[in-house]
Amino acid sequence: MTIAVSPQSLPALVLNADYRPLSYYPLSLWSWQDAIKAVFLDRVNIIAEYDQSVSSPSFSMRLPSVVCLKTYVQPSRNPAFTRFNVFLRDRFECQYCGAHDDLTFDHVIPRAHGGETTWENVVAACSPCNLRKGSKLPKQAGMFPAQKPYQPTVQDLHNNGRLFPPNYLHDSWLDYLYWDTELQP
């Protein structure tokens, strides 16, 4: 799944005060208008700029392509339990057949059998698999998720988000996107 980013819109990559993106998926981007407003409100430092400028009769400035917050924003410790985060944890892939289209979510232990709507009991599933499994237990349906559902950390979701970069990455962003990725020996 790819997030569409228009290079013509000249978005700015937003980094936390530690120079890491606020989020990887969706990538933390601001419109050029929001980035300039944050500059004038003294909330960010400009790290890199585009060649394009904006001007008024008495002022001109190049558009920021990378900005860094002056104040560190503490990331949440536990990600919210949302449909999107379930899909991101499961890498936008049906946990029964591997399909990437028509995703919904499935209760591994169906609610009809006392299953709860929690991280540990919900997986991404395509509609055909979800309908085929219905309210059967995994053993009855002969359908077992590829990975056991679990509550992800923010880092788990960031790592998975890196697998789905936007359709456009400006050259000035590249140095800041993957610098905290562990290097292979």
C-alpha atoms as a PDB file:
ATOM      1  CA  MET A   1       0.000   0.000   0.000  1.00  0.00           C
ATOM      2  CA  THR A   2       1.509   3.307  -1.102  1.00  0.00           C
ATOM      3  CA  ILE A   3       0.683   6.780   0.150  1.00  0.00           C
ATOM      4  CA  ALA A   4       0.433   9.242  -2.750  1.00  0.00           C
ATOM      5  CA  VAL A   5       2.643  12.302  -2.363  1.00  0.00           C
ATOM      6  CA  SER A   6       2.640  14.957  -5.050  1.00  0.00           C
ATOM      7  CA  PRO A   7       6.124  16.374  -5.659  1.00  0.00           C
ATOM      8  CA  GLN A   8       4.496  19.525  -7.063  1.00  0.00           C
ATOM      9  CA  SER A   9       2.957  20.264  -3.658  1.00  0.00           C
ATOM     10  CA  LEU A  10       6.476  20.670  -2.155  1.00  0.00           C
ATOM     11  CA  PRO A  11       5.762  19.051   1.236  1.00  0.00           C
ATOM     12  CA  ALA A  12       8.243  19.328   4.097  1.00  0.00           C
ATOM     13  CA  LEU A  13       9.467  16.275   5.995  1.00  0.00           C
ATOM     14  CA  VAL A  14       8.886  16.871   9.720  1.00  0.00           C
ATOM     15  CA  LEU A  15      11.484  15.549  12.142  1.00  0.00           C
ATOM     16  CA  ASN A  16      11.225  15.365  15.901  1.00  0.00           C
ATOM     17  CA  ALA A  17      13.851  17.239  17.926  1.00  0.00           C
ATOM     18  CA  ASP A  18      15.990  14.063  17.829  1.00  0.00           C
ATOM     19  CA  TYR A  19      16.040  14.243  13.999  1.00  0.00           C
ATOM     20  CA  ARG A  20      13.819  11.199  13.520  1.00  0.00           C
ATOM     21  CA  PRO A  21      10.559  11.455  11.553  1.00  0.00           C
ATOM     22  CA  LEU A  22       7.490  11.861  13.744  1.00  0.00           C
ATOM     23  CA  SER A  23       6.055   8.869  11.896  1.00  0.00           C
ATOM     24  CA  TYR A  24       7.044   6.631   9.008  1.00  0.00           C
ATOM     25  CA  TYR A  25       3.600   5.532   7.907  1.00  0.00           C
ATOM     26  CA  PRO A  26       2.093   7.766   7.046  1.00  0.00           C
ATOM     27  CA  LEU A  27       5.307   9.702   6.623  1.00  0.00           C
ATOM     28  CA  SER A  28       5.251  12.900   8.680  1.00  0.00           C
ATOM     29  CA  LEU A  29       4.829  15.580   6.034  1.00  0.00           C
ATOM     30  CA  TRP A  30       3.515  19.133   6.249  1.00  0.00           C
ATOM     31  CA  SER A  31       2.344  21.335   3.416  1.00  0.00           C
ATOM     32  CA  TRP A  32       4.781  24.089   2.521  1.00  0.00           C
ATOM     33  CA  GLN A  33       2.293  26.591   3.967  1.00  0.00           C
ATOM     34  CA  ASP A  34       2.244  24.827   7.363  1.00  0.00           C
ATOM     35  CA  ALA A  35       6.037  24.529   7.341  1.00  0.00           C
ATOM     36  CA  ILE A  36       6.480  28.270   6.716  1.00  0.00           C
ATOM     37  CA  LYS A  37       3.932  29.106   9.413  1.00  0.00           C
ATOM     38  CA  ALA A  38       5.870  26.916  11.874  1.00  0.00           C
ATOM     39  CA  VAL A  39       9.108  28.719  10.901  1.00  0.00           C
ATOM     40  CA  PHE A  40       7.564  32.125  11.603  1.00  0.00           C
ATOM     41  CA  LEU A  41       6.099  30.860  14.892  1.00  0.00           C
ATOM     42  CA  ASP A  42       9.640  29.727  15.806  1.00  0.00           C
ATOM     43  CA  ARG A  43       8.527  26.092  16.355  1.00  0.00           C
ATOM     44  CA  VAL A  44      10.947  24.494  13.859  1.00  0.00           C
ATOM     45  CA  ASN A  45      14.432  24.824  12.426  1.00  0.00           C
ATOM     46  CA  ILE A  46      14.888  24.542   8.668  1.00  0.00           C
ATOM     47  CA  ILE A  47      17.266  21.674   7.876  1.00  0.00           C
ATOM     48  CA  ALA A  48      17.008  21.594   4.068  1.00  0.00           C
ATOM     49  CA  GLU A  49      15.306  23.664   1.397  1.00  0.00           C
ATOM     50  CA  TYR A  50      13.847  23.301  -2.082  1.00  0.00           C
ATOM     51  CA  ASP A  51      15.092  25.470  -4.948  1.00  0.00           C
ATOM     52  CA  GLN A  52      11.642  27.129  -5.137  1.00  0.00           C
ATOM     53  CA  SER A  53      10.886  30.297  -3.185  1.00  0.00           C
ATOM     54  CA  VAL A  54       7.863  32.218  -2.018  1.00  0.00           C
ATOM     55  CA  SER A  55       7.848  35.983  -2.003  1.00  0.00           C
ATOM     56  CA  SER A  56       5.933  38.945  -0.755  1.00  0.00           C
ATOM     57  CA  PRO A  57       6.666  42.542  -1.742  1.00  0.00           C
ATOM     58  CA  SER A  58       9.174  42.879   1.118  1.00  0.00           C
ATOM     59  CA  PHE A  59      10.350  39.317   1.795  1.00  0.00           C
ATOM     60  CA  SER A  60      11.461  36.163   0.013  1.00  0.00           C
ATOM     61  CA  MET A  61      12.430  32.737   1.300  1.00  0.00           C
ATOM     62  CA  ARG A  62      13.157  29.307  -0.108  1.00  0.00           C
ATOM     63  CA  LEU A  63      10.620  26.637   0.769  1.00  0.00           C
ATOM     64  CA  PRO A  64      11.719  24.220   3.489  1.00  0.00           C
ATOM     65  CA  SER A  65      11.987  20.558   2.434  1.00  0.00           C
ATOM     66  CA  VAL A  66      13.033  19.260   5.879  1.00  0.00           C
ATOM     67  CA  VAL A  67      12.146  20.867   9.207  1.00  0.00           C
ATOM     68  CA  CYS A  68      13.011  19.789  12.734  1.00  0.00           C
ATOM     69  CA  LEU A  69      10.836  20.555  15.750  1.00  0.00           C
ATOM     70  CA  LYS A  70      12.535  22.657  18.418  1.00  0.00           C
ATOM     71  CA  THR A  71      10.668  20.840  21.185  1.00  0.00           C
ATOM     72  CA  TYR A  72      10.787  17.051  21.456  1.00  0.00           C
ATOM     73  CA  VAL A  73       7.396  15.346  21.107  1.00  0.00           C
ATOM     74  CA  GLN A  74       7.278  12.194  23.213  1.00  0.00           C
ATOM     75  CA  PRO A  75       5.904   9.333  21.071  1.00  0.00           C
ATOM     76  CA  SER A  76       3.060   7.388  22.622  1.00  0.00           C
ATOM     77  CA  ARG A  77       4.210   4.162  24.264  1.00  0.00           C
ATOM     78  CA  ASN A  78       1.296   2.041  23.123  1.00  0.00           C
ATOM     79  CA  PRO A  79      -0.183   2.510  19.664  1.00  0.00           C
ATOM     80  CA  ALA A  80      -3.925   2.993  19.429  1.00  0.00           C
ATOM     81  CA  PHE A  81      -5.954  -0.103  18.610  1.00  0.00           C
ATOM     82  CA  THR A  82      -7.323   0.958  15.217  1.00  0.00           C
ATOM     83  CA  ARG A  83      -8.168  -0.863  12.012  1.00  0.00           C
ATOM     84  CA  PHE A  84      -5.298   0.945  10.266  1.00  0.00           C
ATOM     85  CA  ASN A  85      -2.780  -0.104  12.940  1.00  0.00           C
ATOM     86  CA  VAL A  86      -3.980  -3.723  12.770  1.00  0.00           C
ATOM     87  CA  PHE A  87      -3.410  -3.638   8.993  1.00  0.00           C
ATOM     88  CA  LEU A  88      -0.001  -2.016   9.498  1.00  0.00           C
ATOM     89  CA  ARG A  89       1.003  -4.602  12.119  1.00  0.00           C
ATOM     90  CA  ASP A  90      -0.008  -7.341   9.654  1.00  0.00           C
ATOM     91  CA  ARG A  91       1.722  -5.510   6.775  1.00  0.00           C
ATOM     92  CA  PHE A  92      -1.512  -4.968   4.834  1.00  0.00           C
ATOM     93  CA  GLU A  93      -1.702  -8.683   4.160  1.00  0.00           C
ATOM     94  CA  CYS A  94      -4.482 -11.203   4.798  1.00  0.00           C
ATOM     95  CA  GLN A  95      -3.180 -13.433   7.557  1.00  0.00           C
ATOM     96  CA  TYR A  96      -4.909 -16.450   6.025  1.00  0.00           C
ATOM     97  CA  CYS A  97      -4.043 -16.294   2.318  1.00  0.00           C
ATOM     98  CA  GLY A  98      -1.587 -13.404   1.891  1.00  0.00           C
ATOM     99  CA  ALA A  99      -3.871 -11.244  -0.305  1.00  0.00           C
ATOM    100  CA  HIS A 100      -3.418  -7.467  -0.169  1.00  0.00           C
ATOM    101  CA  ASP A 101      -6.822  -6.363  -1.487  1.00  0.00           C
ATOM    102  CA  ASP A 102     -10.253  -5.959   0.075  1.00  0.00           C
ATOM    103  CA  LEU A 103      -8.920  -6.136   3.645  1.00  0.00           C
ATOM    104  CA  THR A 104     -11.128  -6.237   6.696  1.00  0.00           C
ATOM    105  CA  PHE A 105     -10.372  -7.694  10.093  1.00  0.00           C
ATOM    106  CA  ASP A 106     -11.203 -11.048  11.584  1.00  0.00           C
ATOM    107  CA  HIS A 107     -11.639 -12.200  15.156  1.00  0.00           C
ATOM    108  CA  VAL A 108      -9.444 -15.321  15.421  1.00  0.00           C
ATOM    109  CA  ILE A 109     -11.676 -16.546  18.252  1.00  0.00           C
ATOM    110  CA  PRO A 110     -15.071 -15.325  16.992  1.00  0.00           C
ATOM    111  CA  ARG A 111     -17.154 -13.072  19.210  1.00  0.00           C
ATOM    112  CA  ALA A 112     -19.871 -15.761  19.055  1.00  0.00           C
ATOM    113  CA  HIS A 113     -17.404 -18.000  20.945  1.00  0.00           C
ATOM    114  CA  GLY A 114     -16.438 -15.324  23.493  1.00  0.00           C
ATOM    115  CA  GLY A 115     -13.598 -13.775  21.498  1.00  0.00           C
ATOM    116  CA  GLU A 116     -12.832 -10.146  22.248  1.00  0.00           C
ATOM    117  CA  THR A 117     -11.915  -7.253  19.993  1.00  0.00           C
ATOM    118  CA  THR A 118      -8.305  -6.901  21.155  1.00  0.00           C
ATOM    119  CA  TRP A 119      -4.837  -6.814  19.615  1.00  0.00           C
ATOM    120  CA  GLU A 120      -4.363 -10.435  20.655  1.00  0.00           C
ATOM    121  CA  ASN A 121      -7.503 -11.678  18.870  1.00  0.00           C
ATOM    122  CA  VAL A 122      -7.839  -9.581  15.694  1.00  0.00           C
ATOM    123  CA  VAL A 123      -5.960 -10.026  12.408  1.00  0.00           C
ATOM    124  CA  ALA A 124      -6.140  -8.519   8.936  1.00  0.00           C
ATOM    125  CA  ALA A 125      -8.147 -10.731   6.593  1.00  0.00           C
ATOM    126  CA  CYS A 126      -9.429 -10.346   3.060  1.00  0.00           C
ATOM    127  CA  SER A 127     -13.206 -10.439   2.696  1.00  0.00           C
ATOM    128  CA  PRO A 128     -13.284 -13.893   1.012  1.00  0.00           C
ATOM    129  CA  CYS A 129     -11.276 -15.478   3.854  1.00  0.00           C
ATOM    130  CA  ASN A 130     -13.292 -13.654   6.486  1.00  0.00           C
ATOM    131  CA  LEU A 131     -16.548 -14.909   4.930  1.00  0.00           C
ATOM    132  CA  ARG A 132     -15.172 -18.438   4.554  1.00  0.00           C
ATOM    133  CA  LYS A 133     -14.082 -18.574   8.195  1.00  0.00           C
ATOM    134  CA  GLY A 134     -17.299 -16.975   9.432  1.00  0.00           C
ATOM    135  CA  SER A 135     -17.863 -17.576  13.121  1.00  0.00           C
ATOM    136  CA  LYS A 136     -15.902 -20.828  13.193  1.00  0.00           C
ATOM    137  CA  LEU A 137     -12.932 -21.461  15.417  1.00  0.00           C
ATOM    138  CA  PRO A 138      -9.602 -21.708  13.540  1.00  0.00           C
ATOM    139  CA  LYS A 139      -9.469 -25.494  13.920  1.00  0.00           C
ATOM    140  CA  GLN A 140     -13.065 -25.927  12.697  1.00  0.00           C
ATOM    141  CA  ALA A 141     -12.395 -23.747   9.652  1.00  0.00           C
ATOM    142  CA  GLY A 142      -8.931 -25.197   9.051  1.00  0.00           C
ATOM    143  CA  MET A 143      -7.695 -21.596   8.877  1.00  0.00           C
ATOM    144  CA  PHE A 144      -4.845 -20.369  11.054  1.00  0.00           C
ATOM    145  CA  PRO A 145      -3.293 -16.890  10.884  1.00  0.00           C
ATOM    146  CA  ALA A 146       0.230 -16.704   9.437  1.00  0.00           C
ATOM    147  CA  GLN A 147       1.341 -14.941  12.622  1.00  0.00           C
ATOM    148  CA  LYS A 148      -0.188 -15.015  16.051  1.00  0.00           C
ATOM    149  CA  PRO A 149      -1.867 -11.664  16.743  1.00  0.00           C
ATOM    150  CA  TYR A 150      -0.027  -9.499  19.281  1.00  0.00           C
ATOM    151  CA  GLN A 151      -0.023  -5.964  20.626  1.00  0.00           C
ATOM    152  CA  PRO A 152       2.662  -4.149  18.618  1.00  0.00           C
ATOM    153  CA  THR A 153       4.977  -1.494  19.940  1.00  0.00           C
ATOM    154  CA  VAL A 154       5.295   1.877  18.252  1.00  0.00           C
ATOM    155  CA  GLN A 155       8.676   0.636  16.988  1.00  0.00           C
ATOM    156  CA  ASP A 156       7.010  -2.436  15.404  1.00  0.00           C
ATOM    157  CA  LEU A 157       4.628  -0.165  13.498  1.00  0.00           C
ATOM    158  CA  HIS A 158       7.469   2.181  12.464  1.00  0.00           C
ATOM    159  CA  ASN A 159       9.478  -0.778  11.175  1.00  0.00           C
ATOM    160  CA  ASN A 160       6.502  -2.051   9.177  1.00  0.00           C
ATOM    161  CA  GLY A 161       5.740   1.458   7.927  1.00  0.00           C
ATOM    162  CA  ARG A 162       9.210   1.623   6.380  1.00  0.00           C
ATOM    163  CA  LEU A 163       8.169  -1.237   4.104  1.00  0.00           C
ATOM    164  CA  PHE A 164       5.578   1.045   2.461  1.00  0.00           C
ATOM    165  CA  PRO A 165       7.357   4.261   1.439  1.00  0.00           C
ATOM    166  CA  PRO A 166       5.364   6.962  -0.306  1.00  0.00           C
ATOM    167  CA  ASN A 167       5.443   7.103  -4.092  1.00  0.00           C
ATOM    168  CA  TYR A 168       7.764  10.109  -3.887  1.00  0.00           C
ATOM    169  CA  LEU A 169      10.787  10.784  -1.657  1.00  0.00           C
ATOM    170  CA  HIS A 170      12.673  14.028  -2.168  1.00  0.00           C
ATOM    171  CA  ASP A 171      16.474  13.643  -2.167  1.00  0.00           C
ATOM    172  CA  SER A 172      16.787  15.959   0.851  1.00  0.00           C
ATOM    173  CA  TRP A 173      14.664  13.568   2.939  1.00  0.00           C
ATOM    174  CA  LEU A 174      16.716  10.415   2.404  1.00  0.00           C
ATOM    175  CA  ASP A 175      19.391  11.158   4.998  1.00  0.00           C
ATOM    176  CA  TYR A 176      16.716  11.402   7.696  1.00  0.00           C
ATOM    177  CA  LEU A 177      14.449   8.482   6.894  1.00  0.00           C
ATOM    178  CA  TYR A 178      16.478   5.378   7.560  1.00  0.00           C
ATOM    179  CA  TRP A 179      19.487   6.467   9.620  1.00  0.00           C
ATOM    180  CA  ASP A 180      18.243   4.595  12.705  1.00  0.00           C
ATOM    181  CA  THR A 181      17.887   1.312  10.807  1.00  0.00           C
ATOM    182  CA  GLU A 182      20.220  -1.359  12.131  1.00  0.00           C
ATOM    183  CA  LEU A 183      23.075  -2.029   9.730  1.00  0.00           C
ATOM    184  CA  GLN A 184      23.868  -5.547   8.569  1.00  0.00           C
ATOM    185  CA  PRO A 185      27.381  -6.842   9.476  1.00  0.00           C
END
